[in-house]
Amino acid sequence: MANSTGHGGKTNTRIVLLRSNPVDPDSRVEKEVNSLTGAGYEVEILAWDRDGDYQINDAYLRLESGKVKIHRFGIPAAFDGGIKNNLIPLIKFNYRVYSWLCKNRNNYDIIHACDFDTAFIASLAAGRFKKKFVYDIFDYYIDAFNVPGFLKKTIEKMDHRIINTADGVIICTEQRKEQIKGTRPRRLVVIHNAPAGLKEIKKLALDESKIKIVYVGVLIEGRFIEEISEAVKNNPVYEFHVGGFGKLESYLREMSRKYDNIIFYGKLSYKETLELENSCDIMAAIYDPAVPNHYYAAPNKFYEALMLGKPLIMARNTGMSKIVEREGIGELIDFTRSSFSRALALLAERKQEWPVIGAKMKKIYKEHYSWDEMEKRLLNLYKEVPDTNLSTY
C-alpha cells in the first residue's frame, strides 16, 4: 500500500476491511470494495477461511475496478456453528487479525469491520492506533447468531458501545434502525444489498419447458433448501437449480444424483450466480421467521430478483416480504413444505403474468434500490468519515 496523501474522491486513503468468512464469494463485500477501489481508495481484506488450517495465505480478488489483495487466515471452524461451537476458533481469528493490524499499523488509515465478530477487535485497534473506524452491520449479532442467553446482554452492551463510538455505521435496511434502537451513531447510512449490475448477464441453455426454481447462497438449515428439494423431486413440471457452499453440500449432491430435476452447481462466482438466476423462472428467498434477525433481513436474493425481474417466493414476516405482498411480485408462504407447494402452484398459474411482473420489479429496483444509488451513499460516508473528531474507545 502506498502512503496516504488525502481523503475523498480520487485518493490514496488506505482501508483494511475485516470479514469473518473467506470472501469466496461475498457479494456485499465485493461490491463495496469494488466501489471504493473504483473511487481511488486502496483496499486490503482480512478474511477467515474456516476450511483451511494455515497461518496466512495472500491472494488477490479480481474485481471490475482492479485486483485487491486479500489475506486469509486458515482456522478450522463450522459454518453456522454459532458462538458456542466456534468460540475458540473465533478468538484465534481475532488474535491473528489484531496481530496483523498491529504489525501493519502504518499501512492503513481506516478499518472497515463487517459485523460484531470483527468489530470488537477493530474498535480496539482503531482506538490504540488513532485510525478511523467504519462499522458495517450485515447482521445484528445477538438476533442473527446462536448466542447463549447469559451472553446476550453483555454482547449487546459492547455492540452498542461500538456503534456509538464508530466514525461511521452502515446498516442494510431502514427497518434495522429498530434493531439498534437506543444507540447514538455519529453517522448512520442505509446501504441495501442491491446487486451491482453487470454490463451483460447472459442466459444459460436450460430446458424451456420446465418451471425452474433457483437458490444460490449459503447451504444451511433455515433457508428452506431441503424442503424445496422434497417438494419438487417427484414433480417433472419443476426443476430446482441450486448453488453455493455449506453443510448441505453433500445432501444436495446426493439429491442431484438421484433426481434429474434437482441440479446442484456447487460454489459459483457472483457473475455465474446472476447468470443462473437470469436463466431460471422463480427465485426463492425463504428464511425461518422464528429467527428474530430474519424479520429485519435484507436478502441478496430479493434485490437480485428485482434487478432480473424474477417472481419471488418468501416467508411471511421476514425482511422485504411486505414489499412482495404489497406489489404483487411473488407469493408469501408459511414456513412449511405444503405452503410452499401451494405458492409454487399459484405462481405457475400466473405464468402469463411473469413478463408484466418482471417489468414492474425492474422498475422498483431502478427507482429505489439500484447499486448506483447505494454506491453514492457509501462514497459520501467515506468522504465524511475523515472529518470526524478522533474517536475515544
Protein backbone atom coordinates (compact mmCIF):
# COMPACT_ATOMS: atom_id res chain seq x y z
CA MET A 1 0.00 0.00 0.00
CA ALA A 2 1.18 3.50 -0.79
CA ASN A 3 1.34 6.27 1.74
CA SER A 4 -1.87 8.23 2.30
CA THR A 5 -1.96 11.59 0.59
CA GLY A 6 -5.54 12.69 1.05
CA HIS A 7 -9.18 11.82 1.66
CA GLY A 8 -12.29 11.55 -0.51
CA GLY A 9 -12.68 11.45 -4.29
CA LYS A 10 -9.54 10.27 -6.08
CA THR A 11 -7.40 9.46 -3.09
CA ASN A 12 -4.70 7.25 -1.66
CA THR A 13 -6.59 6.74 1.58
CA ARG A 14 -5.94 3.18 2.69
CA ILE A 15 -8.68 0.89 4.00
CA VAL A 16 -8.44 -2.54 5.57
CA LEU A 17 -11.73 -4.48 5.53
CA LEU A 18 -12.35 -7.31 8.03
CA ARG A 19 -14.74 -10.20 7.33
CA SER A 20 -15.22 -13.48 9.24
CA ASN A 21 -15.68 -15.61 6.12
CA PRO A 22 -13.31 -16.38 3.22
CA VAL A 23 -14.88 -13.78 0.87
CA ASP A 24 -15.06 -16.54 -1.72
CA PRO A 25 -17.53 -15.22 -2.71
CA ASP A 26 -19.17 -12.49 -0.61
CA SER A 27 -21.25 -10.29 -2.88
CA ARG A 28 -21.73 -7.38 -0.44
CA VAL A 29 -18.03 -7.18 0.43
CA GLU A 30 -17.04 -7.44 -3.22
CA LYS A 31 -19.48 -4.70 -4.28
CA GLU A 32 -18.35 -2.30 -1.55
CA VAL A 33 -14.66 -2.95 -2.22
CA ASN A 34 -15.17 -2.58 -5.96
CA SER A 35 -16.89 0.79 -5.43
CA LEU A 36 -14.20 2.03 -3.04
CA THR A 37 -11.28 1.00 -5.23
CA GLY A 38 -13.06 2.46 -8.26
CA ALA A 39 -13.19 5.78 -6.41
CA GLY A 40 -9.44 5.69 -5.77
CA TYR A 41 -9.26 4.17 -2.28
CA GLU A 42 -6.64 1.50 -1.63
CA VAL A 43 -8.23 -1.55 -0.02
CA GLU A 44 -6.96 -4.77 1.52
CA ILE A 45 -9.12 -7.52 3.04
CA LEU A 46 -8.55 -9.74 6.06
CA ALA A 47 -10.71 -12.88 5.89
CA TRP A 48 -11.32 -16.19 7.67
CA ASP A 49 -11.01 -19.49 5.79
CA ARG A 50 -12.85 -21.96 8.01
CA ASP A 51 -11.96 -24.91 5.77
CA GLY A 52 -8.20 -24.30 5.94
CA ASP A 53 -5.52 -24.80 8.58
CA TYR A 54 -2.65 -22.38 7.97
CA GLN A 55 -1.20 -19.16 9.32
CA ILE A 56 -1.92 -16.79 6.43
CA ASN A 57 -2.41 -17.00 2.67
CA ASP A 58 -2.10 -13.92 0.48
CA ALA A 59 -4.08 -13.78 -2.76
CA TYR A 60 -5.98 -11.32 -4.94
CA LEU A 61 -9.65 -10.73 -5.63
CA ARG A 62 -10.13 -9.74 -9.26
CA LEU A 63 -12.88 -7.13 -9.39
CA GLU A 64 -14.15 -4.90 -12.16
CA SER A 65 -12.19 -1.95 -10.76
CA GLY A 66 -8.97 -3.98 -10.44
CA LYS A 67 -7.35 -6.59 -8.23
CA VAL A 68 -7.49 -6.28 -4.45
CA LYS A 69 -5.17 -8.05 -2.03
CA ILE A 70 -6.82 -10.45 0.41
CA HIS A 71 -5.12 -12.08 3.40
CA ARG A 72 -6.89 -15.25 4.55
CA PHE A 73 -6.28 -16.87 7.93
CA GLY A 74 -6.89 -20.64 7.88
CA ILE A 75 -8.58 -21.62 11.16
CA PRO A 76 -10.89 -24.68 11.04
CA ALA A 77 -14.45 -23.97 12.20
CA ALA A 78 -18.04 -24.80 11.32
CA PHE A 79 -20.23 -22.52 9.24
CA ASP A 80 -23.43 -21.68 11.11
CA GLY A 81 -21.88 -23.16 14.26
CA GLY A 82 -22.75 -20.22 16.49
CA ILE A 83 -20.55 -18.64 19.13
CA LYS A 84 -20.85 -21.68 21.40
CA ASN A 85 -19.26 -24.10 18.91
CA ASN A 86 -16.86 -21.62 17.32
CA LEU A 87 -15.67 -19.62 20.32
CA ILE A 88 -12.05 -20.87 20.33
CA PRO A 89 -11.63 -20.51 16.52
CA LEU A 90 -13.22 -17.03 16.72
CA ILE A 91 -10.73 -15.99 19.43
CA LYS A 92 -7.85 -17.32 17.28
CA PHE A 93 -9.13 -15.43 14.24
CA ASN A 94 -9.45 -12.18 16.20
CA TYR A 95 -5.97 -12.65 17.67
CA ARG A 96 -4.48 -13.00 14.18
CA VAL A 97 -6.46 -10.03 12.88
CA TYR A 98 -5.29 -7.87 15.79
CA SER A 99 -1.68 -9.01 15.30
CA TRP A 100 -1.89 -8.06 11.61
CA LEU A 101 -3.43 -4.67 12.46
CA CYS A 102 -0.62 -4.02 14.97
CA LYS A 103 2.16 -5.11 12.62
CA ASN A 104 0.77 -3.13 9.69
CA ARG A 105 -0.48 -0.09 11.62
CA ASN A 106 1.43 2.33 9.37
CA ASN A 107 -0.14 0.87 6.22
CA TYR A 108 -3.82 1.77 6.64
CA ASP A 109 -5.94 4.77 7.61
CA ILE A 110 -9.44 3.33 8.05
CA ILE A 111 -10.66 -0.03 9.42
CA HIS A 112 -13.93 -1.25 7.90
CA ALA A 113 -15.30 -4.07 10.07
CA CYS A 114 -18.19 -6.30 8.99
CA ASP A 115 -20.39 -7.46 11.90
CA PHE A 116 -19.67 -7.65 15.61
CA ASP A 117 -17.34 -10.65 15.31
CA THR A 118 -14.73 -8.39 13.69
CA ALA A 119 -15.90 -5.00 15.00
CA PHE A 120 -14.82 -5.51 18.61
CA ILE A 121 -11.18 -6.13 17.74
CA ALA A 122 -11.33 -3.42 15.06
CA SER A 123 -12.54 -0.84 17.59
CA LEU A 124 -9.63 -1.70 19.91
CA ALA A 125 -7.08 -1.33 17.12
CA ALA A 126 -8.68 1.89 15.85
CA GLY A 127 -8.56 3.42 19.31
CA ARG A 128 -5.00 2.31 20.01
CA PHE A 129 -3.54 3.43 16.67
CA LYS A 130 -5.76 6.50 16.11
CA LYS A 131 -7.41 5.13 12.97
CA LYS A 132 -10.86 5.89 11.59
CA PHE A 133 -13.38 3.10 12.03
CA VAL A 134 -16.44 2.15 9.93
CA TYR A 135 -18.81 -0.46 11.37
CA ASP A 136 -20.77 -2.31 8.68
CA ILE A 137 -23.64 -4.30 10.25
CA PHE A 138 -24.62 -7.06 7.83
CA ASP A 139 -26.48 -8.91 10.61
CA TYR A 140 -27.24 -7.74 14.15
CA TYR A 141 -25.26 -10.27 16.14
CA ILE A 142 -27.47 -11.22 19.07
CA ASP A 143 -30.52 -11.66 16.81
CA ALA A 144 -28.74 -13.40 13.94
CA PHE A 145 -26.50 -15.94 15.61
CA ASN A 146 -26.77 -18.66 18.22
CA VAL A 147 -25.64 -16.56 21.18
CA PRO A 148 -26.12 -18.18 24.64
CA GLY A 149 -28.71 -16.33 26.73
CA PHE A 150 -26.30 -15.41 29.51
CA LEU A 151 -24.04 -13.62 27.00
CA LYS A 152 -26.70 -11.65 25.11
CA LYS A 153 -26.86 -8.60 27.38
CA THR A 154 -23.07 -8.35 27.56
CA ILE A 155 -22.64 -8.58 23.78
CA GLU A 156 -25.49 -6.12 23.20
CA LYS A 157 -23.87 -3.60 25.55
CA MET A 158 -20.49 -4.00 23.83
CA ASP A 159 -22.13 -3.77 20.39
CA HIS A 160 -23.97 -0.55 21.32
CA ARG A 161 -20.74 1.00 22.57
CA ILE A 162 -19.01 0.15 19.28
CA ILE A 163 -21.92 1.64 17.30
CA ASN A 164 -21.77 4.84 19.38
CA THR A 165 -18.00 5.30 19.01
CA ALA A 166 -17.55 4.30 15.36
CA ASP A 167 -16.86 7.11 12.91
CA GLY A 168 -19.50 5.68 10.56
CA VAL A 169 -22.14 2.95 10.82
CA ILE A 170 -23.74 1.11 7.90
CA ILE A 171 -26.99 -0.90 8.09
CA CYS A 172 -28.72 -2.66 5.21
CA THR A 173 -32.38 -1.60 5.60
CA GLU A 174 -34.32 1.24 7.20
CA GLN A 175 -36.02 -1.41 9.39
CA ARG A 176 -32.68 -2.18 11.01
CA LYS A 177 -32.89 1.13 12.86
CA GLU A 178 -35.33 -0.67 15.18
CA GLN A 179 -32.69 -3.31 15.96
CA ILE A 180 -30.12 -0.73 17.07
CA LYS A 181 -32.66 1.35 18.98
CA GLY A 182 -31.03 3.01 21.97
CA THR A 183 -27.75 3.73 20.17
CA ARG A 184 -26.48 7.11 19.00
CA PRO A 185 -24.32 6.55 15.93
CA ARG A 186 -22.30 9.57 14.88
CA ARG A 187 -23.02 8.92 11.22
CA LEU A 188 -25.56 6.33 10.01
CA VAL A 189 -26.23 5.28 6.41
CA VAL A 190 -28.50 2.62 4.88
CA ILE A 191 -26.90 0.63 2.06
CA HIS A 192 -29.24 -2.02 0.67
CA ASN A 193 -27.92 -5.36 -0.60
CA ALA A 194 -28.62 -4.32 -4.18
CA PRO A 195 -26.63 -6.21 -6.83
CA ALA A 196 -24.11 -4.34 -8.90
CA GLY A 197 -25.44 -4.71 -12.42
CA LEU A 198 -23.15 -6.41 -14.90
CA LYS A 199 -22.94 -4.95 -18.41
CA GLU A 200 -24.42 -8.14 -19.80
CA ILE A 201 -25.98 -11.06 -17.94
CA LYS A 202 -26.27 -13.96 -20.34
CA LYS A 203 -28.82 -16.77 -20.23
CA LEU A 204 -27.83 -20.42 -19.99
CA ALA A 205 -29.25 -23.09 -22.27
CA LEU A 206 -31.77 -24.61 -19.83
CA ASP A 207 -34.96 -26.58 -20.54
CA GLU A 208 -37.61 -24.01 -21.51
CA SER A 209 -40.44 -26.47 -20.89
CA LYS A 210 -39.70 -26.68 -17.15
CA ILE A 211 -40.57 -24.17 -14.43
CA LYS A 212 -37.19 -23.53 -12.87
CA ILE A 213 -36.78 -22.50 -9.22
CA VAL A 214 -33.36 -21.19 -8.21
CA TYR A 215 -31.45 -20.60 -4.97
CA VAL A 216 -27.75 -19.70 -4.74
CA GLY A 217 -26.23 -18.90 -1.36
CA VAL A 218 -25.11 -20.41 1.92
CA LEU A 219 -26.33 -24.01 2.12
CA ILE A 220 -27.56 -24.35 5.69
CA GLU A 221 -30.74 -25.31 7.52
CA GLY A 222 -33.25 -22.50 7.87
CA ARG A 223 -33.04 -21.48 4.19
CA PHE A 224 -35.75 -23.98 3.10
CA ILE A 225 -33.37 -25.84 0.76
CA GLU A 226 -34.28 -29.36 1.84
CA GLU A 227 -37.99 -28.52 1.79
CA ILE A 228 -37.82 -27.23 -1.79
CA SER A 229 -35.91 -30.33 -2.84
CA GLU A 230 -38.52 -32.62 -1.29
CA ALA A 231 -41.40 -30.61 -2.78
CA VAL A 232 -40.17 -30.83 -6.39
CA LYS A 233 -38.17 -34.06 -6.58
CA ASN A 234 -41.05 -36.18 -7.92
CA ASN A 235 -42.77 -33.46 -9.95
CA PRO A 236 -41.44 -33.33 -13.55
CA VAL A 237 -43.04 -29.91 -14.13
CA TYR A 238 -40.38 -28.26 -11.96
CA GLU A 239 -36.61 -28.10 -11.72
CA PHE A 240 -34.66 -26.88 -8.69
CA HIS A 241 -31.34 -25.23 -9.59
CA VAL A 242 -29.18 -24.68 -6.52
CA GLY A 243 -25.63 -23.45 -5.95
CA GLY A 244 -23.43 -22.35 -3.07
CA PHE A 245 -21.45 -23.87 -0.23
CA GLY A 246 -22.11 -25.06 3.31
CA LYS A 247 -23.15 -28.06 5.36
CA LEU A 248 -25.90 -29.18 2.93
CA GLU A 249 -23.49 -29.69 0.01
CA SER A 250 -23.35 -33.49 0.40
CA TYR A 251 -27.15 -33.68 0.73
CA LEU A 252 -27.59 -31.71 -2.50
CA ARG A 253 -25.01 -33.76 -4.38
CA GLU A 254 -26.90 -36.90 -3.41
CA MET A 255 -30.28 -35.41 -4.36
CA SER A 256 -28.95 -34.26 -7.74
CA ARG A 257 -27.61 -37.75 -8.35
CA LYS A 258 -30.97 -39.37 -7.54
CA TYR A 259 -33.33 -36.87 -9.22
CA ASP A 260 -32.96 -35.42 -12.71
CA ASN A 261 -34.87 -32.25 -11.82
CA ILE A 262 -32.54 -31.21 -8.96
CA ILE A 263 -29.38 -29.66 -10.37
CA PHE A 264 -26.53 -28.77 -7.99
CA TYR A 265 -23.77 -26.45 -9.22
CA GLY A 266 -21.54 -26.14 -6.15
CA LYS A 267 -19.81 -22.83 -5.45
CA LEU A 268 -20.49 -20.13 -8.04
CA SER A 269 -18.94 -16.74 -8.67
CA TYR A 270 -21.14 -13.65 -8.46
CA LYS A 271 -21.26 -13.45 -12.26
CA GLU A 272 -22.21 -17.13 -12.54
CA THR A 273 -24.86 -16.68 -9.84
CA LEU A 274 -26.58 -13.86 -11.72
CA GLU A 275 -26.40 -15.81 -14.98
CA LEU A 276 -28.04 -18.86 -13.41
CA GLU A 277 -30.74 -16.74 -11.74
CA ASN A 278 -31.36 -14.92 -15.00
CA SER A 279 -31.88 -18.30 -16.71
CA CYS A 280 -34.47 -19.55 -14.21
CA ASP A 281 -38.10 -18.51 -13.64
CA ILE A 282 -38.74 -18.20 -9.89
CA MET A 283 -36.36 -17.19 -7.12
CA ALA A 284 -36.52 -18.44 -3.53
CA ALA A 285 -35.52 -16.19 -0.61
CA ILE A 286 -37.07 -18.17 2.24
CA TYR A 287 -35.82 -17.60 5.79
CA ASP A 288 -37.17 -19.07 9.02
CA PRO A 289 -39.38 -16.35 10.58
CA ALA A 290 -38.72 -17.86 14.03
CA VAL A 291 -35.22 -16.34 13.91
CA PRO A 292 -35.58 -12.72 15.14
CA ASN A 293 -32.98 -11.34 12.74
CA HIS A 294 -34.90 -12.66 9.72
CA TYR A 295 -37.65 -10.11 10.35
CA TYR A 296 -35.04 -7.47 9.51
CA ALA A 297 -33.24 -9.46 6.80
CA ALA A 298 -32.23 -7.87 3.50
CA PRO A 299 -31.71 -11.00 1.37
CA ASN A 300 -29.42 -10.62 -1.62
CA LYS A 301 -31.93 -12.80 -3.46
CA PHE A 302 -34.67 -10.17 -3.01
CA TYR A 303 -32.61 -7.47 -4.70
CA GLU A 304 -31.26 -9.80 -7.38
CA ALA A 305 -34.82 -10.87 -8.20
CA LEU A 306 -35.85 -7.23 -8.58
CA MET A 307 -32.95 -6.42 -10.87
CA LEU A 308 -33.53 -9.53 -13.01
CA GLY A 309 -37.34 -9.34 -12.92
CA LYS A 310 -37.91 -12.81 -11.46
CA PRO A 311 -41.01 -13.55 -9.29
CA LEU A 312 -40.17 -14.36 -5.67
CA ILE A 313 -41.27 -16.83 -3.02
CA MET A 314 -40.60 -15.60 0.54
CA ALA A 315 -41.76 -16.49 4.06
CA ARG A 316 -44.26 -14.19 5.76
CA ASN A 317 -42.88 -11.78 8.35
CA THR A 318 -39.32 -11.86 7.04
CA GLY A 319 -37.36 -8.94 5.65
CA MET A 320 -38.88 -7.43 2.49
CA SER A 321 -41.84 -9.86 2.44
CA LYS A 322 -44.28 -6.95 2.86
CA ILE A 323 -42.98 -5.43 -0.38
CA VAL A 324 -43.52 -8.72 -2.24
CA GLU A 325 -47.11 -8.83 -0.94
CA ARG A 326 -47.87 -5.15 -1.50
CA GLU A 327 -46.51 -5.07 -5.04
CA GLY A 328 -47.84 -8.49 -6.09
CA ILE A 329 -44.42 -9.64 -7.32
CA GLY A 330 -44.49 -13.15 -5.89
CA GLU A 331 -46.02 -15.35 -3.21
CA LEU A 332 -45.62 -15.49 0.57
CA ILE A 333 -45.65 -18.76 2.50
CA ASP A 334 -45.83 -20.12 5.99
CA PHE A 335 -42.58 -21.88 6.79
CA THR A 336 -43.95 -25.30 5.72
CA ARG A 337 -43.50 -27.54 2.71
CA SER A 338 -47.23 -27.69 1.99
CA SER A 339 -47.47 -23.88 1.98
CA PHE A 340 -44.51 -23.72 -0.42
CA SER A 341 -46.14 -26.24 -2.77
CA ARG A 342 -49.33 -24.14 -2.85
CA ALA A 343 -47.40 -20.95 -3.53
CA LEU A 344 -45.41 -22.60 -6.30
CA ALA A 345 -48.62 -23.82 -7.96
CA LEU A 346 -50.14 -20.31 -7.71
CA LEU A 347 -47.09 -18.72 -9.34
CA ALA A 348 -47.12 -21.37 -12.06
CA GLU A 349 -50.76 -20.47 -12.79
CA ARG A 350 -49.68 -16.83 -13.20
CA LYS A 351 -47.09 -17.70 -15.85
CA GLN A 352 -48.70 -15.41 -18.42
CA GLU A 353 -48.23 -12.51 -15.96
CA TRP A 354 -44.49 -13.11 -15.46
CA PRO A 355 -43.35 -10.58 -18.10
CA VAL A 356 -45.54 -7.87 -16.51
CA ILE A 357 -44.34 -8.80 -13.02
CA GLY A 358 -40.74 -8.76 -14.25
CA ALA A 359 -41.06 -5.28 -15.75
CA LYS A 360 -42.58 -3.98 -12.51
CA MET A 361 -39.76 -5.50 -10.44
CA LYS A 362 -37.07 -3.92 -12.61
CA LYS A 363 -38.78 -0.55 -12.25
CA ILE A 364 -38.88 -0.89 -8.43
CA TYR A 365 -35.19 -1.82 -8.41
CA LYS A 366 -34.17 1.11 -10.59
CA GLU A 367 -36.20 3.67 -8.64
CA HIS A 368 -35.43 2.54 -5.07
CA TYR A 369 -32.57 0.05 -4.75
CA SER A 370 -30.03 0.36 -7.56
CA TRP A 371 -26.37 -0.12 -6.67
CA ASP A 372 -25.62 3.21 -8.36
CA GLU A 373 -27.54 4.89 -5.53
CA MET A 374 -26.03 2.63 -2.85
CA GLU A 375 -22.53 3.36 -4.15
CA LYS A 376 -23.17 7.12 -3.80
CA ARG A 377 -24.21 6.59 -0.18
CA LEU A 378 -21.07 4.55 0.56
CA LEU A 379 -18.70 7.04 -1.04
CA ASN A 380 -20.42 10.00 0.65
CA LEU A 381 -19.93 8.29 4.00
CA TYR A 382 -16.25 7.79 3.28
CA LYS A 383 -15.87 11.43 2.28
CA GLU A 384 -17.33 12.48 5.64
CA VAL A 385 -15.55 9.99 7.94
CA PRO A 386 -12.14 11.76 7.90
CA ASP A 387 -13.83 14.91 9.26
CA THR A 388 -14.98 13.12 12.43
CA ASN A 389 -13.13 14.13 15.58
CA LEU A 390 -10.81 11.39 16.82
CA SER A 391 -12.86 8.63 18.43
CA THR A 392 -12.45 7.73 22.08
CA TYR A 393 -12.66 3.99 22.66
